[in-house]
Amino acid sequence: MPPQPPRPDALVIAKTGDMSYSDILRAVKKDVNLKQLGENVSRIRKTAKGETLFELRRARTGSTHEYRNEINRVLGDQAQIRTLS
């Protein structure tokens, strides 16, 4: 059995405040500084725990940690952001 290819980097956003799944998506999508993130996302889905998962493309510009810091600035204390590499 051939080895499986590595999974792409991802960002997981867990809500800690009153924001809903759609409110988080709306806030992230409308921020001008996160436009580059939007171009590098291959898939957005909701996890089994109710968190928001942004799966990034392999050939991306910018780093996952930079995106994490920018999302943290936008959402503040309403969400907790983790990176998966």
N, C-alpha and C. Protein backbone atom coordinates (compact mmCIF):
# COMPACT_ATOMS: atom_id res chain seq x y z
N MET A 1 0.85 -1.17 0.00
CA MET A 1 0.00 0.00 0.00
C MET A 1 0.90 1.24 0.00
N PRO A 2 0.72 2.15 -0.96
CA PRO A 2 1.56 3.35 -1.02
C PRO A 2 1.24 4.30 0.14
N PRO A 3 2.22 5.06 0.57
CA PRO A 3 1.96 6.01 1.66
C PRO A 3 0.99 7.10 1.22
N GLN A 4 0.18 7.55 2.14
CA GLN A 4 -0.79 8.59 1.83
C GLN A 4 -0.08 9.94 1.75
N PRO A 5 -0.51 10.79 0.83
CA PRO A 5 0.09 12.12 0.75
C PRO A 5 -0.21 12.91 2.02
N PRO A 6 0.66 13.84 2.39
CA PRO A 6 0.41 14.63 3.60
C PRO A 6 -0.82 15.51 3.44
N ARG A 7 -1.49 15.73 4.52
CA ARG A 7 -2.67 16.60 4.50
C ARG A 7 -2.22 18.05 4.40
N PRO A 8 -3.04 18.87 3.75
CA PRO A 8 -2.69 20.30 3.66
C PRO A 8 -2.85 20.98 5.01
N ASP A 9 -2.22 22.12 5.16
CA ASP A 9 -2.37 22.92 6.38
C ASP A 9 -3.82 23.34 6.53
N ALA A 10 -4.22 23.58 7.77
CA ALA A 10 -5.60 23.99 8.03
C ALA A 10 -5.64 24.92 9.23
N LEU A 11 -6.70 25.70 9.31
CA LEU A 11 -6.99 26.55 10.45
C LEU A 11 -8.31 26.10 11.05
N VAL A 12 -8.35 25.94 12.37
CA VAL A 12 -9.57 25.52 13.06
C VAL A 12 -9.98 26.67 13.97
N ILE A 13 -11.23 27.11 13.83
CA ILE A 13 -11.74 28.21 14.63
C ILE A 13 -12.85 27.67 15.52
N ALA A 14 -12.62 27.71 16.83
CA ALA A 14 -13.61 27.27 17.81
C ALA A 14 -14.21 28.52 18.46
N LYS A 15 -15.52 28.63 18.45
CA LYS A 15 -16.14 29.83 19.02
C LYS A 15 -16.10 29.76 20.54
N THR A 16 -15.80 30.89 21.16
CA THR A 16 -15.78 30.99 22.61
C THR A 16 -16.78 32.03 23.10
N GLY A 17 -17.33 32.80 22.18
CA GLY A 17 -18.28 33.85 22.53
C GLY A 17 -19.66 33.54 21.98
N ASP A 18 -20.39 34.58 21.66
CA ASP A 18 -21.77 34.45 21.19
C ASP A 18 -21.89 34.34 19.67
N MET A 19 -20.78 34.40 18.95
CA MET A 19 -20.83 34.35 17.48
C MET A 19 -21.24 32.96 17.01
N SER A 20 -22.06 32.92 15.97
CA SER A 20 -22.45 31.65 15.38
C SER A 20 -21.48 31.28 14.26
N TYR A 21 -21.63 30.09 13.72
CA TYR A 21 -20.81 29.61 12.61
C TYR A 21 -20.88 30.59 11.45
N SER A 22 -22.08 31.04 11.10
CA SER A 22 -22.23 31.97 9.98
C SER A 22 -21.66 33.35 10.29
N ASP A 23 -21.75 33.79 11.56
CA ASP A 23 -21.18 35.08 11.94
C ASP A 23 -19.65 35.06 11.80
N ILE A 24 -19.04 33.94 12.19
CA ILE A 24 -17.58 33.79 12.07
C ILE A 24 -17.17 33.85 10.61
N LEU A 25 -17.87 33.09 9.76
CA LEU A 25 -17.55 33.10 8.33
C LEU A 25 -17.71 34.49 7.73
N ARG A 26 -18.78 35.16 8.09
CA ARG A 26 -19.06 36.50 7.56
C ARG A 26 -17.95 37.47 7.97
N ALA A 27 -17.53 37.43 9.22
CA ALA A 27 -16.49 38.34 9.72
C ALA A 27 -15.16 38.08 9.02
N VAL A 28 -14.82 36.81 8.81
CA VAL A 28 -13.56 36.47 8.17
C VAL A 28 -13.58 36.84 6.69
N LYS A 29 -14.70 36.58 6.02
CA LYS A 29 -14.79 36.86 4.58
C LYS A 29 -14.82 38.34 4.26
N LYS A 30 -15.39 39.18 5.14
CA LYS A 30 -15.53 40.59 4.80
C LYS A 30 -14.29 41.41 5.15
N ASP A 31 -13.35 40.87 5.93
CA ASP A 31 -12.15 41.62 6.29
C ASP A 31 -11.22 41.74 5.09
N VAL A 32 -10.79 42.96 4.80
CA VAL A 32 -9.95 43.24 3.63
C VAL A 32 -8.58 42.57 3.77
N ASN A 33 -8.03 42.54 4.98
CA ASN A 33 -6.70 41.96 5.20
C ASN A 33 -6.68 40.45 5.02
N LEU A 34 -7.84 39.81 5.04
CA LEU A 34 -7.92 38.35 4.89
C LEU A 34 -8.30 37.94 3.47
N LYS A 35 -8.25 38.86 2.54
CA LYS A 35 -8.57 38.53 1.14
C LYS A 35 -7.62 37.46 0.60
N GLN A 36 -6.34 37.56 0.95
CA GLN A 36 -5.36 36.57 0.50
C GLN A 36 -5.67 35.19 1.08
N LEU A 37 -6.15 35.14 2.31
CA LEU A 37 -6.55 33.86 2.90
C LEU A 37 -7.67 33.24 2.09
N GLY A 38 -8.66 34.03 1.71
CA GLY A 38 -9.78 33.54 0.93
C GLY A 38 -9.35 32.92 -0.39
N GLU A 39 -8.31 33.47 -1.00
CA GLU A 39 -7.81 32.93 -2.26
C GLU A 39 -7.06 31.62 -2.07
N ASN A 40 -6.61 31.33 -0.85
CA ASN A 40 -5.82 30.13 -0.58
C ASN A 40 -6.59 29.03 0.14
N VAL A 41 -7.87 29.24 0.38
CA VAL A 41 -8.69 28.22 1.03
C VAL A 41 -9.26 27.30 -0.03
N SER A 42 -9.06 26.00 0.17
CA SER A 42 -9.62 25.04 -0.79
C SER A 42 -10.98 24.53 -0.33
N ARG A 43 -11.21 24.53 0.99
CA ARG A 43 -12.47 24.00 1.50
C ARG A 43 -12.75 24.59 2.88
N ILE A 44 -14.00 24.89 3.14
CA ILE A 44 -14.46 25.33 4.46
C ILE A 44 -15.54 24.36 4.90
N ARG A 45 -15.40 23.85 6.12
CA ARG A 45 -16.43 22.95 6.61
C ARG A 45 -16.56 23.08 8.11
N LYS A 46 -17.63 22.52 8.61
CA LYS A 46 -17.90 22.52 10.03
C LYS A 46 -17.48 21.16 10.57
N THR A 47 -16.72 21.12 11.66
CA THR A 47 -16.25 19.85 12.21
C THR A 47 -17.35 19.22 13.07
N ALA A 48 -17.09 18.00 13.52
CA ALA A 48 -18.05 17.29 14.37
C ALA A 48 -18.27 18.03 15.70
N LYS A 49 -17.26 18.75 16.16
CA LYS A 49 -17.38 19.52 17.41
C LYS A 49 -18.06 20.87 17.21
N GLY A 50 -18.38 21.20 15.96
CA GLY A 50 -19.03 22.48 15.66
C GLY A 50 -18.05 23.59 15.38
N GLU A 51 -16.77 23.25 15.21
CA GLU A 51 -15.75 24.25 14.90
C GLU A 51 -15.71 24.48 13.38
N THR A 52 -15.14 25.60 12.97
CA THR A 52 -15.00 25.93 11.57
C THR A 52 -13.59 25.54 11.12
N LEU A 53 -13.49 24.77 10.03
CA LEU A 53 -12.20 24.31 9.52
C LEU A 53 -11.96 24.92 8.15
N PHE A 54 -10.85 25.64 8.01
CA PHE A 54 -10.41 26.20 6.73
C PHE A 54 -9.26 25.34 6.24
N GLU A 55 -9.47 24.57 5.18
CA GLU A 55 -8.40 23.76 4.61
C GLU A 55 -7.71 24.58 3.53
N LEU A 56 -6.39 24.72 3.64
CA LEU A 56 -5.63 25.58 2.72
C LEU A 56 -5.05 24.78 1.57
N ARG A 57 -4.85 25.46 0.46
CA ARG A 57 -4.22 24.84 -0.71
C ARG A 57 -2.74 24.64 -0.42
N ARG A 58 -2.14 23.70 -1.13
CA ARG A 58 -0.70 23.43 -0.93
C ARG A 58 0.16 24.58 -1.45
N ALA A 59 -0.09 25.04 -2.66
CA ALA A 59 0.69 26.14 -3.25
C ALA A 59 0.07 27.45 -2.81
N ARG A 60 0.43 27.89 -1.63
CA ARG A 60 -0.20 29.08 -1.08
C ARG A 60 0.84 30.17 -0.86
N THR A 61 0.37 31.39 -0.74
CA THR A 61 1.24 32.51 -0.39
C THR A 61 0.89 32.90 1.03
N GLY A 62 1.88 33.30 1.79
CA GLY A 62 1.64 33.62 3.19
C GLY A 62 1.72 32.37 4.04
N SER A 63 1.93 32.55 5.33
CA SER A 63 2.05 31.39 6.20
C SER A 63 0.77 31.18 7.00
N THR A 64 0.59 29.96 7.45
CA THR A 64 -0.58 29.61 8.23
C THR A 64 -0.61 30.42 9.53
N HIS A 65 0.56 30.65 10.12
CA HIS A 65 0.61 31.42 11.37
C HIS A 65 0.24 32.89 11.16
N GLU A 66 0.61 33.45 10.00
CA GLU A 66 0.20 34.82 9.71
C GLU A 66 -1.31 34.91 9.58
N TYR A 67 -1.93 33.94 8.91
CA TYR A 67 -3.39 33.91 8.79
C TYR A 67 -4.03 33.77 10.17
N ARG A 68 -3.45 32.93 11.00
CA ARG A 68 -3.98 32.71 12.35
C ARG A 68 -3.98 34.02 13.14
N ASN A 69 -2.87 34.74 13.08
CA ASN A 69 -2.77 36.01 13.81
C ASN A 69 -3.77 37.04 13.28
N GLU A 70 -3.97 37.07 11.98
CA GLU A 70 -4.90 38.03 11.40
C GLU A 70 -6.35 37.69 11.77
N ILE A 71 -6.71 36.41 11.74
CA ILE A 71 -8.06 36.00 12.15
C ILE A 71 -8.27 36.30 13.62
N ASN A 72 -7.24 36.08 14.42
CA ASN A 72 -7.33 36.38 15.85
C ASN A 72 -7.58 37.86 16.08
N ARG A 73 -6.97 38.72 15.25
CA ARG A 73 -7.19 40.16 15.35
C ARG A 73 -8.64 40.51 15.01
N VAL A 74 -9.19 39.84 13.98
CA VAL A 74 -10.55 40.14 13.53
C VAL A 74 -11.60 39.65 14.53
N LEU A 75 -11.43 38.42 15.02
CA LEU A 75 -12.45 37.82 15.88
C LEU A 75 -12.25 38.14 17.36
N GLY A 76 -11.05 38.50 17.76
CA GLY A 76 -10.78 38.85 19.15
C GLY A 76 -11.03 37.70 20.09
N ASP A 77 -11.72 37.98 21.19
CA ASP A 77 -11.97 36.95 22.20
C ASP A 77 -13.23 36.12 21.90
N GLN A 78 -13.80 36.30 20.72
CA GLN A 78 -14.99 35.54 20.33
C GLN A 78 -14.66 34.13 19.85
N ALA A 79 -13.38 33.86 19.57
CA ALA A 79 -13.01 32.56 19.03
C ALA A 79 -11.58 32.21 19.39
N GLN A 80 -11.31 30.91 19.38
CA GLN A 80 -9.95 30.40 19.60
C GLN A 80 -9.50 29.75 18.30
N ILE A 81 -8.31 30.12 17.81
CA ILE A 81 -7.83 29.65 16.52
C ILE A 81 -6.64 28.73 16.73
N ARG A 82 -6.67 27.56 16.05
CA ARG A 82 -5.56 26.60 16.05
C ARG A 82 -5.10 26.38 14.64
N THR A 83 -3.81 26.07 14.47
CA THR A 83 -3.30 25.70 13.16
C THR A 83 -2.99 24.23 13.14
N LEU A 84 -3.25 23.59 12.01
CA LEU A 84 -2.91 22.18 11.81
C LEU A 84 -1.96 22.11 10.64
N SER A 85 -0.80 21.54 10.87
CA SER A 85 0.20 21.44 9.80
C SER A 85 0.57 19.99 9.56
